Every structure is written in structure tokens, then in C-alpha cells.
Amino acid sequence: MKISNTVLTTLVGLLAVCVALAATNPTADQYGRFLDTQLSNALARMKPEDAGSQQKVMRDILTTQGKKVIDSLVRSNTARRDYGLFSIFTTRVFQVEIAVVGVGTQFIPLDSQEELIKKLGRLML
């Protein structure tokens, strides 16, 4: 049985893509950094003058201690389903669920970016 060069090249290319995806499959630490960045973006979008006194206190705490909050609260409530080439991270905290696909060192929220920011705002405030 003879395999054509085109088929062989396609198979080698497909194998290379699979190896690259497996090698760059995001870790839980990278997911934590992603959430920290998203939380910072959500806090930056909040208007301090619109917040009540409790929200201002929470905003100040999250601005200075966001990474610790992510580490202690979110990571313990996150499940990672690793499929080899990609992972699905699901975080459930206080009746809020965030689901994100991690592939090739990138994170793609299953909800829109706006919805993700709203959920993080509800989660943290």
C-alpha cells in the first residue's frame, strides 16, 4: 500500500498541531492568572462614585488583595477537565458558575466577555 506525499504531509502536519496543543494546554495556575486579569478588568470598569460604602470597601480589598482572593476562594472551587489538547475550567462559587475553555495558552469564556465580567462582579461583590 502506497501513501501519497500529500496524505503523509497532512498527517505529519496534523500530528504537529496536536503535539503543539498538548504542549501548550493551560494549567490551573495560568487559569488563576487569567481570572486575576479579568477581575482587574472588571474592577477597572466599575465607577467608584456609583458604588455604595460596602462596595467601595470590597473594591479596595479586591484591588489590593485580588490575587489572594483568587487563590483562596476560586481555585478551591474550580474543576479542570483535561482533554489533552485543551481543558475546560469550571468555577462555582456562591451560586455563580464560570466556564472557560483553555486551548493553546489562551482562555475562551463559554459566555461572552461582557457576561464573564458581570459574573465576576457578582462573585466578588
C-alpha atoms as a PDB file:
ATOM      1  CA  MET A   1       0.000   0.000   0.000  1.00  0.00           C
ATOM      2  CA  LYS A   2       1.465   3.285  -1.109  1.00  0.00           C
ATOM      3  CA  ILE A   3       0.650   6.543   0.691  1.00  0.00           C
ATOM      4  CA  SER A   4       0.879   9.730  -1.337  1.00  0.00           C
ATOM      5  CA  ASN A   5       3.116  12.586  -0.242  1.00  0.00           C
ATOM      6  CA  THR A   6       0.098  14.850   0.220  1.00  0.00           C
ATOM      7  CA  VAL A   7      -1.551  12.461   2.662  1.00  0.00           C
ATOM      8  CA  LEU A   8       1.710  11.927   4.526  1.00  0.00           C
ATOM      9  CA  THR A   9       2.366  15.687   4.750  1.00  0.00           C
ATOM     10  CA  THR A  10      -1.186  16.254   6.017  1.00  0.00           C
ATOM     11  CA  LEU A  11      -0.792  13.564   8.675  1.00  0.00           C
ATOM     12  CA  VAL A  12       2.559  14.964   9.826  1.00  0.00           C
ATOM     13  CA  GLY A  13       1.071  18.478   9.964  1.00  0.00           C
ATOM     14  CA  LEU A  14      -1.933  17.258  11.949  1.00  0.00           C
ATOM     15  CA  LEU A  15       0.347  15.396  14.352  1.00  0.00           C
ATOM     16  CA  ALA A  16       2.475  18.544  14.799  1.00  0.00           C
ATOM     17  CA  VAL A  17      -0.632  20.608  15.620  1.00  0.00           C
ATOM     18  CA  CYS A  18      -1.785  18.005  18.161  1.00  0.00           C
ATOM     19  CA  VAL A  19       1.641  17.943  19.837  1.00  0.00           C
ATOM     20  CA  ALA A  20       1.712  21.756  19.964  1.00  0.00           C
ATOM     21  CA  LEU A  21      -1.780  21.891  21.519  1.00  0.00           C
ATOM     22  CA  ALA A  22      -0.892  19.241  24.084  1.00  0.00           C
ATOM     23  CA  ALA A  23       2.329  21.081  24.991  1.00  0.00           C
ATOM     24  CA  THR A  24       0.508  24.417  25.415  1.00  0.00           C
ATOM     25  CA  ASN A  25      -2.565  23.093  27.247  1.00  0.00           C
ATOM     26  CA  PRO A  26      -3.149  25.714  30.007  1.00  0.00           C
ATOM     27  CA  THR A  27      -2.578  24.838  33.646  1.00  0.00           C
ATOM     28  CA  ALA A  28      -4.608  25.726  36.730  1.00  0.00           C
ATOM     29  CA  ASP A  29      -2.013  28.397  37.603  1.00  0.00           C
ATOM     30  CA  GLN A  30      -2.470  30.021  34.191  1.00  0.00           C
ATOM     31  CA  TYR A  31      -6.246  29.910  34.698  1.00  0.00           C
ATOM     32  CA  GLY A  32      -5.812  31.653  38.062  1.00  0.00           C
ATOM     33  CA  ARG A  33      -3.774  34.402  36.384  1.00  0.00           C
ATOM     34  CA  PHE A  34      -6.461  34.717  33.691  1.00  0.00           C
ATOM     35  CA  LEU A  35      -9.167  35.171  36.343  1.00  0.00           C
ATOM     36  CA  ASP A  36      -6.998  37.671  38.201  1.00  0.00           C
ATOM     37  CA  THR A  37      -6.628  39.707  34.997  1.00  0.00           C
ATOM     38  CA  GLN A  38     -10.369  39.507  34.307  1.00  0.00           C
ATOM     39  CA  LEU A  39     -11.119  40.584  37.878  1.00  0.00           C
ATOM     40  CA  SER A  40      -8.782  43.560  37.469  1.00  0.00           C
ATOM     41  CA  ASN A  41     -10.583  44.479  34.241  1.00  0.00           C
ATOM     42  CA  ALA A  42     -13.967  44.212  35.964  1.00  0.00           C
ATOM     43  CA  LEU A  43     -12.778  46.426  38.833  1.00  0.00           C
ATOM     44  CA  ALA A  44     -11.371  48.977  36.397  1.00  0.00           C
ATOM     45  CA  ARG A  45     -14.750  49.230  34.665  1.00  0.00           C
ATOM     46  CA  MET A  46     -16.592  49.917  37.899  1.00  0.00           C
ATOM     47  CA  LYS A  47     -17.328  53.545  38.610  1.00  0.00           C
ATOM     48  CA  PRO A  48     -16.223  54.296  42.191  1.00  0.00           C
ATOM     49  CA  GLU A  49     -18.784  57.082  42.553  1.00  0.00           C
ATOM     50  CA  ASP A  50     -21.665  54.675  41.796  1.00  0.00           C
ATOM     51  CA  ALA A  51     -20.681  52.167  44.478  1.00  0.00           C
ATOM     52  CA  GLY A  52     -22.079  52.101  47.999  1.00  0.00           C
ATOM     53  CA  SER A  53     -19.776  52.176  51.016  1.00  0.00           C
ATOM     54  CA  GLN A  54     -19.651  48.363  51.337  1.00  0.00           C
ATOM     55  CA  GLN A  55     -18.918  48.005  47.635  1.00  0.00           C
ATOM     56  CA  LYS A  56     -16.139  50.597  47.897  1.00  0.00           C
ATOM     57  CA  VAL A  57     -14.550  48.640  50.736  1.00  0.00           C
ATOM     58  CA  MET A  58     -14.819  45.393  48.751  1.00  0.00           C
ATOM     59  CA  ARG A  59     -13.422  47.110  45.660  1.00  0.00           C
ATOM     60  CA  ASP A  60     -10.429  48.413  47.644  1.00  0.00           C
ATOM     61  CA  ILE A  61      -9.807  44.971  49.153  1.00  0.00           C
ATOM     62  CA  LEU A  62     -10.056  43.266  45.768  1.00  0.00           C
ATOM     63  CA  THR A  63      -7.829  45.859  44.137  1.00  0.00           C
ATOM     64  CA  THR A  64      -5.061  45.230  46.655  1.00  0.00           C
ATOM     65  CA  GLN A  65      -5.698  41.575  47.507  1.00  0.00           C
ATOM     66  CA  GLY A  66      -7.310  40.195  44.332  1.00  0.00           C
ATOM     67  CA  LYS A  67      -4.673  37.521  43.776  1.00  0.00           C
ATOM     68  CA  LYS A  68      -5.106  36.174  47.305  1.00  0.00           C
ATOM     69  CA  VAL A  69      -8.890  36.095  46.851  1.00  0.00           C
ATOM     70  CA  ILE A  70      -8.479  34.184  43.598  1.00  0.00           C
ATOM     71  CA  ASP A  71      -6.039  31.776  45.234  1.00  0.00           C
ATOM     72  CA  SER A  72      -8.122  31.066  48.325  1.00  0.00           C
ATOM     73  CA  LEU A  73     -11.702  31.222  47.061  1.00  0.00           C
ATOM     74  CA  VAL A  74     -11.754  30.432  43.377  1.00  0.00           C
ATOM     75  CA  ARG A  75      -9.048  27.803  42.994  1.00  0.00           C
ATOM     76  CA  SER A  76     -10.572  25.573  45.651  1.00  0.00           C
ATOM     77  CA  ASN A  77     -13.919  25.726  43.805  1.00  0.00           C
ATOM     78  CA  THR A  78     -12.585  25.092  40.306  1.00  0.00           C
ATOM     79  CA  ALA A  79     -12.715  21.817  38.431  1.00  0.00           C
ATOM     80  CA  ARG A  80     -10.405  21.224  35.488  1.00  0.00           C
ATOM     81  CA  ARG A  81     -11.358  18.675  32.857  1.00  0.00           C
ATOM     82  CA  ASP A  82      -8.198  17.939  30.908  1.00  0.00           C
ATOM     83  CA  TYR A  83      -8.755  16.535  27.426  1.00  0.00           C
ATOM     84  CA  GLY A  84      -5.082  16.533  26.474  1.00  0.00           C
ATOM     85  CA  LEU A  85      -5.329  19.073  23.652  1.00  0.00           C
ATOM     86  CA  PHE A  86      -7.472  21.505  25.661  1.00  0.00           C
ATOM     87  CA  SER A  87      -9.008  21.900  29.123  1.00  0.00           C
ATOM     88  CA  ILE A  88     -12.357  23.117  30.401  1.00  0.00           C
ATOM     89  CA  PHE A  89     -12.225  25.027  33.683  1.00  0.00           C
ATOM     90  CA  THR A  90     -15.475  25.353  35.646  1.00  0.00           C
ATOM     91  CA  THR A  91     -15.616  27.552  38.731  1.00  0.00           C
ATOM     92  CA  ARG A  92     -18.672  27.503  41.008  1.00  0.00           C
ATOM     93  CA  VAL A  93     -18.745  29.978  43.894  1.00  0.00           C
ATOM     94  CA  PHE A  94     -21.798  31.491  45.626  1.00  0.00           C
ATOM     95  CA  GLN A  95     -24.306  30.277  43.021  1.00  0.00           C
ATOM     96  CA  VAL A  96     -22.195  31.757  40.206  1.00  0.00           C
ATOM     97  CA  GLU A  97     -20.709  29.453  37.579  1.00  0.00           C
ATOM     98  CA  ILE A  98     -17.938  30.435  35.203  1.00  0.00           C
ATOM     99  CA  ALA A  99     -16.883  28.043  32.446  1.00  0.00           C
ATOM    100  CA  VAL A 100     -13.806  28.677  30.303  1.00  0.00           C
ATOM    101  CA  VAL A 101     -12.068  26.622  27.616  1.00  0.00           C
ATOM    102  CA  GLY A 102      -8.278  26.731  27.737  1.00  0.00           C
ATOM    103  CA  VAL A 103      -6.511  25.885  24.496  1.00  0.00           C
ATOM    104  CA  GLY A 104      -3.052  26.810  23.238  1.00  0.00           C
ATOM    105  CA  THR A 105      -2.306  29.049  26.273  1.00  0.00           C
ATOM    106  CA  GLN A 106      -5.488  31.036  25.522  1.00  0.00           C
ATOM    107  CA  PHE A 107      -8.717  31.170  27.501  1.00  0.00           C
ATOM    108  CA  ILE A 108     -12.102  31.393  25.821  1.00  0.00           C
ATOM    109  CA  PRO A 109     -15.091  32.049  28.105  1.00  0.00           C
ATOM    110  CA  LEU A 110     -18.120  29.969  27.173  1.00  0.00           C
ATOM    111  CA  ASP A 111     -20.153  33.090  27.951  1.00  0.00           C
ATOM    112  CA  SER A 112     -19.432  36.407  26.250  1.00  0.00           C
ATOM    113  CA  GLN A 113     -16.658  38.595  27.645  1.00  0.00           C
ATOM    114  CA  GLU A 114     -19.288  41.021  28.997  1.00  0.00           C
ATOM    115  CA  GLU A 115     -21.146  38.198  30.740  1.00  0.00           C
ATOM    116  CA  LEU A 116     -17.888  36.918  32.251  1.00  0.00           C
ATOM    117  CA  ILE A 117     -17.139  40.369  33.682  1.00  0.00           C
ATOM    118  CA  LYS A 118     -20.688  40.615  35.083  1.00  0.00           C
ATOM    119  CA  LYS A 119     -20.360  37.202  36.706  1.00  0.00           C
ATOM    120  CA  LEU A 120     -17.007  38.122  38.238  1.00  0.00           C
ATOM    121  CA  GLY A 121     -18.565  41.322  39.550  1.00  0.00           C
ATOM    122  CA  ARG A 122     -21.441  39.367  41.129  1.00  0.00           C
ATOM    123  CA  LEU A 123     -18.996  36.839  42.503  1.00  0.00           C
ATOM    124  CA  MET A 124     -16.768  39.417  44.120  1.00  0.00           C
ATOM    125  CA  LEU A 125     -19.365  41.966  45.228  1.00  0.00           C
END
